[in-house]
C-alpha cells in the first residue's frame, strides 16, 4: 500500500518563507566585475578564485566576484582605466605595466635590487604606501599585491660572465628588460610568449629572461639547455577596486573584502614561493641544467642593476630615495 504524505500547512508556509528569503537575498546580492589578463592556470587567477569563494561563502552569496580570466572581458592594457572609470569594479595588472603613468610603478622591476622573496617583501613594505597613494589619486583602492617567481636566464649555452652575452639575441618583453639586455652587450628581440619555441628553434633568439614557472609552462627544455637562476627581479601583480564602488558596499561587506584581501596577499606570496621551488625541480627533471650564477657574473649583473636604479632615481626624485632608504633599513633589520 502506498502511503501519501502531505506536509502540514505550517510546514508549507515555512518552506515558502525560507524560499522567498533566499530569493530576496540573491536579488540583493552585490556582484563585483573582476577582469584579469591571466588564464585559469595562473597562480594569480587561482588565488583570485579562492578569494571569490571565500567571500561568497562568508556572505551566503551576498557578495560575489564575477571573475573574467584570460582577457575575456578586457585586455591587460585596458583594465586599469576600466576600473578607474567604473566600467569594471575590480582589476588585476602587472605593477610595472603602469610605469608610463608614473615611474614609481617600476619599483619591483629594478634589476638585482632584491635577492630573494624576503627582500622582495621588504621592498613591497617600503613602497606600498607610495603605491597606494598613487592609486588613490586615480580613484582606486589597493587591495593586495602578489609576486611572480624570480626572473631567470634561459640559454642554449652556459653563461659565466657578462662577456658571454655579447652578441647574443635575447628575448625582450619590456622597456626595462630591453635596457638591461643592451647594457649587457646583447641584442634585444621582441618575441611573443606563444612564439618562444619557434624563435629558439629558428635561431631568432639565443636566450630569454623569465621565471621558472613560465619556463615550465613553455616546456623550455625542448629548446634551451641551461637555466641560470640570476633572480633579475621579482615582479608583482596588484589587485585594486574602484573606490566609489568599494564605498557603495555595506560596512560589513567592505570590511570583509579588505580582510580577505589581506589573506589573499599572504596566500599569494606563499603560492609564489612554492611554485618557484617546484618549477626549478621540474626544469631539472626534464634535463635542464639548473644553476646559480657564478660570483663574477652575479657581481657584474648587480653593477648593471645599480646603473639602472640610479637612472630610476633621477626620474622619481625624493620619493624614490625615501623608498630605497626605507628598503635598505628593512633589509638590515631582517638580517640582524
Protein backbone atom coordinates (compact mmCIF):
# COMPACT_ATOMS: atom_id res chain seq x y z
CA UNK A 1 0.00 0.00 0.00
CA UNK A 2 1.34 3.41 -0.93
CA UNK A 3 1.04 6.00 1.80
CA UNK A 4 0.85 9.53 0.51
CA UNK A 5 2.39 12.09 2.84
CA UNK A 6 1.01 15.61 2.84
CA UNK A 7 3.08 18.09 4.83
CA UNK A 8 1.14 20.21 7.29
CA UNK A 9 0.12 23.68 6.23
CA UNK A 10 2.58 25.33 8.63
CA UNK A 11 5.48 23.43 7.06
CA UNK A 12 4.46 24.58 3.59
CA UNK A 13 4.25 28.15 4.83
CA UNK A 14 7.69 27.87 6.44
CA UNK A 15 9.18 26.50 3.23
CA UNK A 16 7.62 29.35 1.29
CA UNK A 17 9.05 31.92 3.69
CA UNK A 18 12.54 30.37 3.53
CA UNK A 19 12.43 30.17 -0.27
CA UNK A 20 11.20 33.75 -0.51
CA UNK A 21 14.00 34.89 1.80
CA UNK A 22 16.62 33.05 -0.24
CA UNK A 23 15.32 34.54 -3.49
CA UNK A 24 15.28 38.01 -1.94
CA UNK A 25 18.84 37.55 -0.69
CA UNK A 26 20.04 36.57 -4.16
CA UNK A 27 18.20 39.52 -5.66
CA UNK A 28 20.01 41.87 -3.27
CA UNK A 29 23.44 40.28 -3.78
CA UNK A 30 26.32 42.59 -4.70
CA UNK A 31 28.36 41.45 -7.70
CA UNK A 32 31.77 42.93 -8.47
CA UNK A 33 33.09 42.51 -12.01
CA UNK A 34 36.74 41.48 -11.95
CA UNK A 35 38.71 41.22 -15.22
CA UNK A 36 42.23 39.80 -15.32
CA UNK A 37 44.53 39.03 -18.23
CA UNK A 38 45.78 35.75 -16.75
CA UNK A 39 44.29 32.35 -17.50
CA UNK A 40 42.86 29.82 -15.08
CA UNK A 41 46.20 28.01 -14.69
CA UNK A 42 47.95 31.12 -13.42
CA UNK A 43 48.71 31.06 -9.68
CA UNK A 44 47.35 34.60 -9.55
CA UNK A 45 44.00 33.57 -11.02
CA UNK A 46 43.83 30.57 -8.71
CA UNK A 47 44.34 32.92 -5.78
CA UNK A 48 41.55 35.19 -7.06
CA UNK A 49 39.20 32.21 -7.35
CA UNK A 50 39.91 31.29 -3.73
CA UNK A 51 39.18 34.89 -2.71
CA UNK A 52 35.89 34.82 -4.62
CA UNK A 53 34.87 31.55 -2.98
CA UNK A 54 35.74 32.82 0.49
CA UNK A 55 33.65 35.97 0.02
CA UNK A 56 30.72 34.04 -1.42
CA UNK A 57 30.81 31.53 1.44
CA UNK A 58 31.22 34.12 4.22
CA UNK A 59 28.33 36.27 2.96
CA UNK A 60 25.98 33.43 1.95
CA UNK A 61 26.19 34.62 -1.64
CA UNK A 62 25.58 38.28 -0.79
CA UNK A 63 28.99 39.43 -2.09
CA UNK A 64 30.21 37.79 -5.27
CA UNK A 65 33.19 38.35 -7.55
CA UNK A 66 32.41 37.88 -11.22
CA UNK A 67 35.89 36.86 -12.41
CA UNK A 68 36.72 37.19 -16.12
CA UNK A 69 40.12 35.50 -16.71
CA UNK A 70 42.41 35.38 -19.75
CA UNK A 71 41.42 38.80 -21.05
CA UNK A 72 37.90 37.59 -21.82
CA UNK A 73 36.30 40.86 -20.71
CA UNK A 74 39.16 43.31 -21.22
CA UNK A 75 42.76 43.12 -22.49
CA UNK A 76 45.52 43.70 -19.96
CA UNK A 77 46.26 47.24 -21.10
CA UNK A 78 42.62 48.33 -20.70
CA UNK A 79 41.93 47.00 -17.20
CA UNK A 80 43.36 49.87 -15.15
CA UNK A 81 41.42 52.59 -16.94
CA UNK A 82 38.25 50.46 -16.98
CA UNK A 83 38.29 50.16 -13.19
CA UNK A 84 39.20 53.81 -12.87
CA UNK A 85 36.17 54.85 -14.94
CA UNK A 86 33.81 52.35 -13.30
CA UNK A 87 33.39 50.18 -16.38
CA UNK A 88 34.73 47.34 -14.22
CA UNK A 89 34.66 47.18 -10.42
CA UNK A 90 37.96 45.45 -9.70
CA UNK A 91 41.04 44.51 -11.66
CA UNK A 92 44.49 42.96 -11.67
CA UNK A 93 47.53 44.19 -13.57
CA UNK A 94 51.29 43.78 -13.51
CA UNK A 95 52.52 46.70 -11.40
CA UNK A 96 55.37 47.56 -13.78
CA UNK A 97 52.93 47.78 -16.69
CA UNK A 98 51.81 51.12 -15.21
CA UNK A 99 55.30 52.66 -15.38
CA UNK A 100 54.36 55.07 -18.18
CA UNK A 101 51.85 56.66 -15.78
CA UNK A 102 54.42 57.06 -13.02
CA UNK A 103 57.99 55.67 -12.78
CA UNK A 104 57.29 54.71 -9.15
CA UNK A 105 55.33 51.75 -10.53
CA UNK A 106 58.62 50.38 -11.90
CA UNK A 107 59.99 49.80 -8.39
CA UNK A 108 59.85 45.99 -8.46
CA UNK A 109 61.39 45.75 -11.95
CA UNK A 110 64.69 47.38 -10.99
CA UNK A 111 67.22 44.65 -11.85
CA UNK A 112 69.04 42.92 -8.99
CA UNK A 113 67.67 45.26 -6.33
CA UNK A 114 66.16 42.30 -4.44
CA UNK A 115 67.87 38.97 -3.90
CA UNK A 116 65.01 36.68 -2.85
CA UNK A 117 61.40 36.63 -1.67
CA UNK A 118 62.31 38.02 1.75
CA UNK A 119 63.97 41.11 0.32
CA UNK A 120 61.16 41.42 -2.24
CA UNK A 121 58.70 41.57 0.66
CA UNK A 122 60.86 44.21 2.33
CA UNK A 123 60.77 46.27 -0.87
CA UNK A 124 56.99 45.96 -1.01
CA UNK A 125 56.68 47.05 2.63
CA UNK A 126 58.85 50.08 1.85
CA UNK A 127 56.94 51.09 -1.27
CA UNK A 128 53.36 50.09 -0.50
CA UNK A 129 52.24 53.42 0.98
CA UNK A 130 53.52 55.28 -2.09
CA UNK A 131 51.80 52.90 -4.50
CA UNK A 132 48.55 53.14 -2.50
CA UNK A 133 48.68 56.94 -2.56
CA UNK A 134 49.26 56.97 -6.31
CA UNK A 135 46.27 54.66 -6.88
CA UNK A 136 44.14 56.83 -4.62
CA UNK A 137 44.83 59.79 -6.91
CA UNK A 138 43.11 57.80 -9.67
CA UNK A 139 40.10 56.94 -7.53
CA UNK A 140 41.32 53.41 -6.82
CA UNK A 141 41.96 51.45 -3.64
CA UNK A 142 44.76 48.89 -3.48
CA UNK A 143 43.56 45.54 -2.17
CA UNK A 144 46.69 43.41 -2.35
CA UNK A 145 49.86 42.57 -4.26
CA UNK A 146 51.32 39.15 -5.00
CA UNK A 147 54.63 38.23 -6.66
CA UNK A 148 55.72 36.22 -9.62
CA UNK A 149 58.71 33.92 -9.10
CA UNK A 150 62.18 35.42 -9.72
CA UNK A 151 63.22 36.02 -13.31
CA UNK A 152 65.98 33.67 -14.50
CA UNK A 153 68.12 33.29 -17.62
CA UNK A 154 67.44 30.55 -20.19
CA UNK A 155 70.13 29.88 -22.76
CA UNK A 156 71.48 27.31 -25.19
CA UNK A 157 74.97 27.60 -23.69
CA UNK A 158 76.47 28.18 -20.25
CA UNK A 159 76.83 31.83 -19.18
CA UNK A 160 79.53 32.62 -16.59
CA UNK A 161 80.44 36.20 -17.49
CA UNK A 162 78.63 39.22 -18.90
CA UNK A 163 81.07 38.97 -21.79
CA UNK A 164 79.41 35.66 -22.73
CA UNK A 165 76.25 37.64 -23.52
CA UNK A 166 77.91 39.83 -26.12
CA UNK A 167 76.28 39.31 -29.49
CA UNK A 168 73.52 37.05 -28.17
CA UNK A 169 69.94 37.74 -29.20
CA UNK A 170 67.81 37.82 -26.07
CA UNK A 171 64.04 37.93 -25.93
CA UNK A 172 62.67 41.22 -24.58
CA UNK A 173 59.13 41.96 -23.39
CA UNK A 174 59.51 45.31 -21.61
CA UNK A 175 61.48 48.55 -21.73
CA UNK A 176 63.34 47.62 -18.55
CA UNK A 177 64.42 44.28 -19.95
CA UNK A 178 65.44 45.88 -23.23
CA UNK A 179 67.65 48.34 -21.34
CA UNK A 180 69.24 45.55 -19.29
CA UNK A 181 69.93 43.41 -22.36
CA UNK A 182 71.51 46.35 -24.16
CA UNK A 183 73.68 47.27 -21.16
CA UNK A 184 74.91 43.66 -21.07
CA UNK A 185 76.08 43.90 -24.68
CA UNK A 186 73.38 41.63 -26.11
CA UNK A 187 70.67 42.39 -28.67
CA UNK A 188 67.04 42.63 -27.50
CA UNK A 189 64.48 40.90 -29.71
CA UNK A 190 60.73 41.23 -29.20
CA UNK A 191 59.12 37.78 -29.21
CA UNK A 192 55.63 36.87 -28.05
CA UNK A 193 55.30 34.16 -25.39
CA UNK A 194 53.44 31.89 -27.80
CA UNK A 195 56.36 32.03 -30.27
CA UNK A 196 59.18 31.15 -27.87
CA UNK A 197 59.78 27.63 -29.14
CA UNK A 198 59.90 28.57 -32.81
CA UNK A 199 62.03 31.65 -32.07
CA UNK A 200 64.68 29.47 -30.40
CA UNK A 201 64.49 26.70 -32.98
CA UNK A 202 64.74 29.11 -35.91
CA UNK A 203 67.66 30.99 -34.38
CA UNK A 204 65.71 34.21 -33.89
CA UNK A 205 66.79 34.29 -30.22
CA UNK A 206 69.55 32.58 -28.23
CA UNK A 207 68.28 33.28 -24.72
CA UNK A 208 65.44 34.70 -22.65
CA UNK A 209 64.82 36.07 -19.16
CA UNK A 210 61.66 34.85 -17.47
CA UNK A 211 60.53 32.89 -14.42
CA UNK A 212 60.98 29.19 -13.79
CA UNK A 213 57.20 28.93 -13.80
CA UNK A 214 56.93 30.35 -17.32
CA UNK A 215 59.76 28.08 -18.41
CA UNK A 216 57.82 25.04 -17.23
CA UNK A 217 54.62 26.16 -18.97
CA UNK A 218 56.59 26.75 -22.17
CA UNK A 219 58.46 23.39 -21.87
CA UNK A 220 61.73 25.33 -22.11
CA UNK A 221 63.79 22.11 -22.02
CA UNK A 222 62.67 21.49 -25.60
CA UNK A 223 64.65 24.49 -26.88
CA UNK A 224 67.09 25.62 -24.15
CA UNK A 225 69.71 23.70 -22.19
CA UNK A 226 70.54 25.88 -19.19
CA UNK A 227 68.57 27.84 -16.59
CA UNK A 228 70.74 30.26 -14.64
CA UNK A 229 68.88 31.47 -11.57
CA UNK A 230 70.01 35.11 -11.68
CA UNK A 231 66.87 36.41 -9.92
CA UNK A 232 66.88 39.54 -12.07
CA UNK A 233 63.79 40.84 -10.27
CA UNK A 234 60.63 39.61 -8.57
CA UNK A 235 57.70 41.42 -10.20
CA UNK A 236 54.25 41.72 -8.67
CA UNK A 237 50.64 41.91 -9.74
CA UNK A 238 48.38 44.34 -7.92
CA UNK A 239 44.65 43.90 -7.32
CA UNK A 240 42.58 47.03 -6.84
CA UNK A 241 38.98 48.25 -6.72
CA UNK A 242 37.19 51.42 -7.76
CA UNK A 243 36.99 53.41 -4.52
CA UNK A 244 33.43 54.62 -5.11
CA UNK A 245 32.36 51.02 -5.71
CA UNK A 246 34.10 49.90 -2.53
CA UNK A 247 32.32 52.60 -0.55
CA UNK A 248 28.97 51.53 -2.02
CA UNK A 249 29.23 48.21 -0.19
CA UNK A 250 27.73 47.97 3.26
CA UNK A 251 30.24 48.26 6.10
CA UNK A 252 30.21 44.53 6.84
CA UNK A 253 30.96 43.53 3.26
CA UNK A 254 33.53 46.29 2.87
CA UNK A 255 35.41 45.17 5.98
CA UNK A 256 35.22 41.53 4.91
CA UNK A 257 36.61 42.31 1.45
CA UNK A 258 39.57 44.21 2.91
CA UNK A 259 40.18 41.44 5.43
CA UNK A 260 40.09 38.68 2.83
CA UNK A 261 42.31 40.76 0.52
CA UNK A 262 44.96 40.73 3.23
CA UNK A 263 44.62 36.95 3.47
CA UNK A 264 44.89 36.68 -0.32
CA UNK A 265 48.13 38.66 -0.27
CA UNK A 266 49.69 36.33 2.29
CA UNK A 267 48.44 33.31 0.36
CA UNK A 268 49.81 34.69 -2.91
CA UNK A 269 53.32 35.08 -1.53
CA UNK A 270 53.21 31.51 -0.22
CA UNK A 271 51.99 30.21 -3.59
CA UNK A 272 54.80 32.04 -5.41
CA UNK A 273 57.46 30.59 -3.13
CA UNK A 274 56.16 27.06 -3.55
CA UNK A 275 55.75 27.47 -7.30
CA UNK A 276 59.31 28.75 -7.67
CA UNK A 277 60.91 25.78 -5.93
CA UNK A 278 58.61 23.27 -7.63
CA UNK A 279 59.28 24.73 -11.07
CA UNK A 280 63.07 24.57 -10.63
CA UNK A 281 62.74 20.88 -9.84
CA UNK A 282 60.57 20.33 -12.92
CA UNK A 283 63.12 22.05 -15.17
CA UNK A 284 65.87 19.84 -13.75
CA UNK A 285 63.80 16.66 -14.00
CA UNK A 286 63.31 17.39 -17.69
CA UNK A 287 67.03 17.61 -18.38
CA UNK A 288 67.84 21.29 -17.99
CA UNK A 289 70.97 22.34 -16.13
CA UNK A 290 69.63 24.46 -13.26
CA UNK A 291 72.44 26.50 -11.77
CA UNK A 292 73.25 29.58 -9.75
CA UNK A 293 75.21 32.39 -11.41
CA UNK A 294 78.96 32.44 -10.90
CA UNK A 295 80.15 35.02 -8.33
CA UNK A 296 81.75 37.01 -11.16
CA UNK A 297 78.55 37.07 -13.22
CA UNK A 298 76.46 37.99 -10.19
CA UNK A 299 78.74 40.91 -9.35
CA UNK A 300 78.63 42.17 -12.94
CA UNK A 301 74.84 41.92 -13.11
CA UNK A 302 74.39 43.78 -9.82
CA UNK A 303 76.58 46.55 -11.23
CA UNK A 304 74.31 46.82 -14.28
CA UNK A 305 71.31 46.89 -11.97
CA UNK A 306 72.82 49.73 -9.94
CA UNK A 307 73.21 51.76 -13.12
CA UNK A 308 69.52 51.29 -13.93
CA UNK A 309 68.47 52.07 -10.35
CA UNK A 310 70.34 55.37 -10.48
CA UNK A 311 68.54 56.25 -13.70
CA UNK A 312 65.21 55.43 -11.99
CA UNK A 313 66.12 57.66 -9.05
CA UNK A 314 66.76 60.53 -11.43
CA UNK A 315 63.11 60.26 -12.50
CA UNK A 316 61.48 59.62 -9.12
CA UNK A 317 63.44 62.11 -7.02
CA UNK A 318 62.86 62.28 -3.26
CA UNK A 319 60.09 59.68 -3.26
CA UNK A 320 62.36 57.12 -4.87
CA UNK A 321 65.16 57.98 -2.45
CA UNK A 322 62.84 57.53 0.55
CA UNK A 323 61.62 54.17 -0.71
CA UNK A 324 65.13 52.81 -1.21
CA UNK A 325 66.34 54.17 2.13
CA UNK A 326 63.43 52.52 3.93
CA UNK A 327 64.02 49.33 1.96
CA UNK A 328 67.68 49.15 2.96
CA UNK A 329 66.74 49.75 6.60
CA UNK A 330 64.22 46.90 6.50
CA UNK A 331 66.71 44.54 4.87
CA UNK A 332 69.26 45.39 7.56
CA UNK A 333 66.69 44.74 10.29
CA UNK A 334 65.82 41.36 8.77
CA UNK A 335 69.46 40.30 8.63
CA UNK A 336 70.44 41.49 12.13
